[in-house]
C-alpha atoms as a PDB file:
ATOM      1  CA  MET A   1      34.062  22.723 -11.574  1.00  0.00           C
ATOM      2  CA  HIS A   2      31.457  20.014 -10.889  1.00  0.00           C
ATOM      3  CA  SER A   3      32.063  16.956  -8.799  1.00  0.00           C
ATOM      4  CA  ALA A   4      31.438  13.509 -10.243  1.00  0.00           C
ATOM      5  CA  GLN A   5      28.603  13.089  -7.791  1.00  0.00           C
ATOM      6  CA  THR A   6      25.757  15.513  -8.390  1.00  0.00           C
ATOM      7  CA  LEU A   7      23.390  16.145  -5.532  1.00  0.00           C
ATOM      8  CA  SER A   8      19.756  16.274  -6.520  1.00  0.00           C
ATOM      9  CA  PHE A   9      17.178  18.270  -4.652  1.00  0.00           C
ATOM     10  CA  ASP A  10      13.657  16.927  -4.716  1.00  0.00           C
ATOM     11  CA  PRO A  11      11.426  19.465  -2.998  1.00  0.00           C
ATOM     12  CA  ILE A  12       8.645  18.263  -0.731  1.00  0.00           C
ATOM     13  CA  GLY A  13       5.312  19.381  -2.161  1.00  0.00           C
ATOM     14  CA  PRO A  14       2.078  20.097  -0.269  1.00  0.00           C
ATOM     15  CA  ASP A  15       0.676  16.568  -0.674  1.00  0.00           C
ATOM     16  CA  GLU A  16       3.916  14.992   0.469  1.00  0.00           C
ATOM     17  CA  LEU A  17       4.186  17.407   3.385  1.00  0.00           C
ATOM     18  CA  GLU A  18       0.646  16.480   4.422  1.00  0.00           C
ATOM     19  CA  MET A  19       1.547  12.775   4.350  1.00  0.00           C
ATOM     20  CA  ILE A  20       4.691  13.351   6.444  1.00  0.00           C
ATOM     21  CA  GLY A  21       2.696  15.576   8.801  1.00  0.00           C
ATOM     22  CA  LYS A  22       0.056  12.912   9.327  1.00  0.00           C
ATOM     23  CA  ALA A  23       2.660  10.282  10.240  1.00  0.00           C
ATOM     24  CA  PHE A  24       4.244  12.845  12.581  1.00  0.00           C
ATOM     25  CA  GLU A  25       0.968  13.793  14.282  1.00  0.00           C
ATOM     26  CA  ASP A  26      -0.155  10.163  14.608  1.00  0.00           C
ATOM     27  CA  GLU A  27       3.099   9.210  16.298  1.00  0.00           C
ATOM     28  CA  LEU A  28       3.023  12.259  18.589  1.00  0.00           C
ATOM     29  CA  HIS A  29      -0.462  11.226  19.683  1.00  0.00           C
ATOM     30  CA  ARG A  30       0.569   7.580  20.145  1.00  0.00           C
ATOM     31  CA  ARG A  31       3.515   8.577  22.332  1.00  0.00           C
ATOM     32  CA  ALA A  32       1.701  11.477  24.045  1.00  0.00           C
ATOM     33  CA  LEU A  33       4.510  13.862  23.056  1.00  0.00           C
ATOM     34  CA  SER A  34       4.398  17.634  22.849  1.00  0.00           C
ATOM     35  CA  ARG A  35       5.105  19.174  19.448  1.00  0.00           C
ATOM     36  CA  LYS A  36       7.664  21.399  21.200  1.00  0.00           C
ATOM     37  CA  SER A  37       9.701  18.517  22.657  1.00  0.00           C
ATOM     38  CA  GLU A  38      13.159  17.409  21.578  1.00  0.00           C
ATOM     39  CA  GLU A  39      11.688  13.991  20.781  1.00  0.00           C
ATOM     40  CA  ALA A  40       9.195  15.604  18.391  1.00  0.00           C
ATOM     41  CA  GLU A  41      11.987  17.515  16.645  1.00  0.00           C
ATOM     42  CA  ALA A  42      13.980  14.306  16.249  1.00  0.00           C
ATOM     43  CA  LEU A  43      10.897  12.506  14.918  1.00  0.00           C
ATOM     44  CA  ALA A  44      10.217  15.246  12.362  1.00  0.00           C
ATOM     45  CA  ALA A  45      13.822  15.111  11.145  1.00  0.00           C
ATOM     46  CA  LYS A  46      13.681  11.318  10.942  1.00  0.00           C
ATOM     47  CA  LEU A  47      10.493  11.402   8.853  1.00  0.00           C
ATOM     48  CA  ILE A  48      11.850  14.019   6.461  1.00  0.00           C
ATOM     49  CA  ASN A  49      15.101  12.060   6.069  1.00  0.00           C
ATOM     50  CA  ALA A  50      13.143   8.860   5.432  1.00  0.00           C
ATOM     51  CA  TYR A  51      11.044  10.611   2.769  1.00  0.00           C
ATOM     52  CA  GLN A  52      14.141  11.998   1.086  1.00  0.00           C
ATOM     53  CA  ALA A  53      15.733   8.528   1.222  1.00  0.00           C
ATOM     54  CA  GLY A  54      12.831   7.127  -0.789  1.00  0.00           C
ATOM     55  CA  ILE A  55      10.152   6.078   1.697  1.00  0.00           C
ATOM     56  CA  ARG A  56       7.213   7.736  -0.006  1.00  0.00           C
ATOM     57  CA  ASP A  57       4.096   6.021   1.314  1.00  0.00           C
ATOM     58  CA  ASP A  58       1.895   6.319   4.413  1.00  0.00           C
ATOM     59  CA  LEU A  59       2.684   2.847   5.728  1.00  0.00           C
ATOM     60  CA  GLY A  60       6.439   3.203   5.288  1.00  0.00           C
ATOM     61  CA  LEU A  61       6.504   6.564   7.054  1.00  0.00           C
ATOM     62  CA  SER A  62       4.324   5.227   9.863  1.00  0.00           C
ATOM     63  CA  ILE A  63       6.722   2.324  10.331  1.00  0.00           C
ATOM     64  CA  VAL A  64       9.714   4.671  10.412  1.00  0.00           C
ATOM     65  CA  ALA A  65       7.934   6.911  12.929  1.00  0.00           C
ATOM     66  CA  GLY A  66       7.301   3.973  15.245  1.00  0.00           C
ATOM     67  CA  LEU A  67      10.899   2.752  15.160  1.00  0.00           C
ATOM     68  CA  SER A  68      12.309   5.419  17.453  1.00  0.00           C
END
């Protein structure tokens, strides 16, 4: 039995992961945060969610990273 709403899974490839990682690292540096901090974990989750929601460019991800 399938629901009317089908979830799609769009895996994050190496190029996309690199783009997300760059936005993450840039924002960590800007805020002087440790990669092991709770803030860094929240930032990483926010960037991945933004990518999966359709923000697929460097500028958009950088803007999302700076909004927290």
